[in-house]
Amino acid sequence: SQFWRCDLMERQSKEEVLGVNWGRPRTARQLLKIDIYTAQGLNRSFNARTIEGIAQFLKTQTTLRGPSYVYSLLLEACNSPSIASSLQSQFSCVLDYDNMKDAVRGWESSHPGVKAGMYVDNSVAVGAGTGV
């Protein structure tokens, strides 16, 4: 996915600080509909800076302890029931897969507007059509 390995902790752009809505996500935070403070809470709680890292952590915890435990972890990380529910819903498409390659496909299919076959790694596009 375009945002799978994008750093959630990357510096905010001026547009993000001002709340400009581009209609289509330009960062991993915008895709998840979270702000920098929620991203910091997720990083602090899960030691993960990417959607991929959070997905792997949540998949492990769901397998070991179940979805209600995962919800409590998300709630503790972001201090908002609505954001915790939203994140759990967004990541549910990933948690249903046995391997991460299939999980990426699931993520792409559940997040329209994300260009398939590409990912962004630390804000550098890699993949289809970039010549890399």
Protein backbone atom coordinates (compact mmCIF):
# COMPACT_ATOMS: atom_id res chain seq x y z
CA SER A 1 0.00 0.00 0.00
CA GLN A 2 1.12 3.54 -0.65
CA PHE A 3 1.17 4.35 3.07
CA TRP A 4 2.06 0.94 4.50
CA ARG A 5 5.61 1.93 5.54
CA CYS A 6 5.19 5.69 5.74
CA ASP A 7 6.43 7.17 9.01
CA LEU A 8 3.48 8.22 11.19
CA MET A 9 5.85 10.46 13.12
CA GLU A 10 7.03 12.48 10.11
CA ARG A 11 7.03 16.24 10.55
CA GLN A 12 3.68 17.92 9.97
CA SER A 13 3.32 19.94 6.79
CA LYS A 14 1.94 23.48 6.96
CA GLU A 15 -1.23 22.22 5.29
CA GLU A 16 -1.69 19.53 7.94
CA VAL A 17 -1.22 22.04 10.77
CA LEU A 18 -3.82 24.30 9.15
CA GLY A 19 -6.21 21.40 8.61
CA VAL A 20 -6.33 21.64 4.80
CA ASN A 21 -8.39 18.80 3.37
CA TRP A 22 -6.99 17.61 0.05
CA GLY A 23 -9.89 15.20 -0.46
CA ARG A 24 -7.42 12.35 -0.72
CA PRO A 25 -4.90 11.34 1.96
CA ARG A 26 -1.32 12.50 1.45
CA THR A 27 0.16 10.98 4.62
CA ALA A 28 -0.35 7.84 6.68
CA ARG A 29 -1.87 9.94 9.47
CA GLN A 30 -4.44 11.39 7.09
CA LEU A 31 -5.29 7.92 5.84
CA LEU A 32 -5.95 6.77 9.41
CA LYS A 33 -7.74 10.07 10.20
CA ILE A 34 -5.49 10.78 13.20
CA ASP A 35 -3.41 13.76 14.24
CA ILE A 36 0.22 13.90 15.28
CA TYR A 37 -0.68 13.53 18.98
CA THR A 38 -2.59 10.29 18.38
CA ALA A 39 0.32 9.03 16.26
CA GLN A 40 2.68 9.82 19.15
CA GLY A 41 0.43 7.91 21.55
CA LEU A 42 0.36 4.87 19.25
CA ASN A 43 4.13 5.01 18.86
CA ARG A 44 4.64 5.32 22.61
CA SER A 45 2.24 2.47 23.40
CA PHE A 46 3.09 0.05 20.58
CA ASN A 47 6.65 1.11 19.71
CA ALA A 48 5.55 1.31 16.07
CA ARG A 49 6.02 4.21 13.66
CA THR A 50 4.25 2.77 10.62
CA ILE A 51 0.88 1.29 9.70
CA GLU A 52 2.71 -1.97 9.08
CA GLY A 53 4.23 -1.94 12.59
CA ILE A 54 0.90 -1.17 14.24
CA ALA A 55 -0.82 -3.88 12.16
CA GLN A 56 1.74 -6.49 13.19
CA PHE A 57 1.44 -5.51 16.86
CA LEU A 58 -2.37 -5.57 16.80
CA LYS A 59 -2.45 -8.90 14.94
CA THR A 60 -0.22 -10.48 17.59
CA GLN A 61 -2.30 -9.05 20.44
CA THR A 62 -5.58 -10.09 18.80
CA THR A 63 -4.28 -13.64 18.40
CA LEU A 64 -2.98 -13.81 21.96
CA ARG A 65 -5.66 -11.90 23.88
CA GLY A 66 -8.60 -11.08 21.61
CA PRO A 67 -10.27 -8.02 20.11
CA SER A 68 -11.55 -6.53 23.37
CA TYR A 69 -8.00 -6.41 24.70
CA VAL A 70 -6.84 -4.73 21.48
CA TYR A 71 -9.58 -2.13 21.88
CA SER A 72 -8.39 -1.40 25.42
CA LEU A 73 -4.82 -0.94 24.12
CA LEU A 74 -6.02 1.44 21.41
CA LEU A 75 -8.12 3.36 23.91
CA GLU A 76 -5.15 3.72 26.24
CA ALA A 77 -2.92 4.86 23.36
CA CYS A 78 -5.23 7.53 21.95
CA ASN A 79 -7.52 8.46 24.89
CA SER A 80 -10.61 8.63 22.68
CA PRO A 81 -13.29 5.94 22.36
CA SER A 82 -14.29 7.15 18.89
CA ILE A 83 -10.70 7.13 17.57
CA ALA A 84 -10.02 3.73 19.19
CA SER A 85 -13.14 2.30 17.53
CA SER A 86 -12.23 3.84 14.18
CA LEU A 87 -8.69 2.44 14.32
CA GLN A 88 -9.89 -0.99 15.37
CA SER A 89 -12.35 -0.98 12.47
CA GLN A 90 -9.68 0.15 9.98
CA PHE A 91 -7.21 -2.49 11.15
CA SER A 92 -9.80 -5.30 11.23
CA CYS A 93 -9.24 -5.87 7.50
CA VAL A 94 -5.58 -6.62 8.25
CA LEU A 95 -6.17 -8.85 11.25
CA ASP A 96 -8.14 -11.39 9.22
CA TYR A 97 -5.11 -12.49 7.18
CA ASP A 98 -2.46 -15.06 8.07
CA ASN A 99 0.41 -13.30 6.33
CA MET A 100 1.29 -9.67 5.87
CA LYS A 101 1.39 -9.80 2.04
CA ASP A 102 -2.30 -10.70 1.99
CA ALA A 103 -2.88 -8.14 4.73
CA VAL A 104 -1.51 -5.39 2.49
CA ARG A 105 -3.95 -6.44 -0.25
CA GLY A 106 -6.77 -6.35 2.31
CA TRP A 107 -5.67 -2.91 3.44
CA GLU A 108 -5.61 -1.62 -0.14
CA SER A 109 -9.06 -2.98 -0.88
CA SER A 110 -10.55 -1.38 2.24
CA HIS A 111 -8.94 2.04 1.68
CA PRO A 112 -10.10 3.33 -1.71
CA GLY A 113 -7.91 5.96 -3.29
CA VAL A 114 -4.71 4.25 -2.24
CA LYS A 115 -2.71 3.42 -5.34
CA ALA A 116 -2.09 -0.32 -5.49
CA GLY A 117 1.44 -1.57 -6.06
CA MET A 118 3.16 1.38 -4.39
CA TYR A 119 4.23 2.32 -0.94
CA VAL A 120 5.82 5.37 0.57
CA ASP A 121 8.81 4.88 2.80
CA ASN A 122 9.76 8.00 4.75
CA SER A 123 8.00 10.20 2.19
CA VAL A 124 9.88 8.80 -0.83
CA ALA A 125 7.70 7.08 -3.43
CA VAL A 126 8.96 3.68 -4.45
CA GLY A 127 7.42 1.34 -6.97
CA ALA A 128 5.27 1.52 -10.06
CA GLY A 129 5.89 4.45 -12.34
CA THR A 130 8.71 6.03 -10.32
CA GLY A 131 11.62 4.58 -12.25
CA VAL A 132 13.00 2.94 -9.10
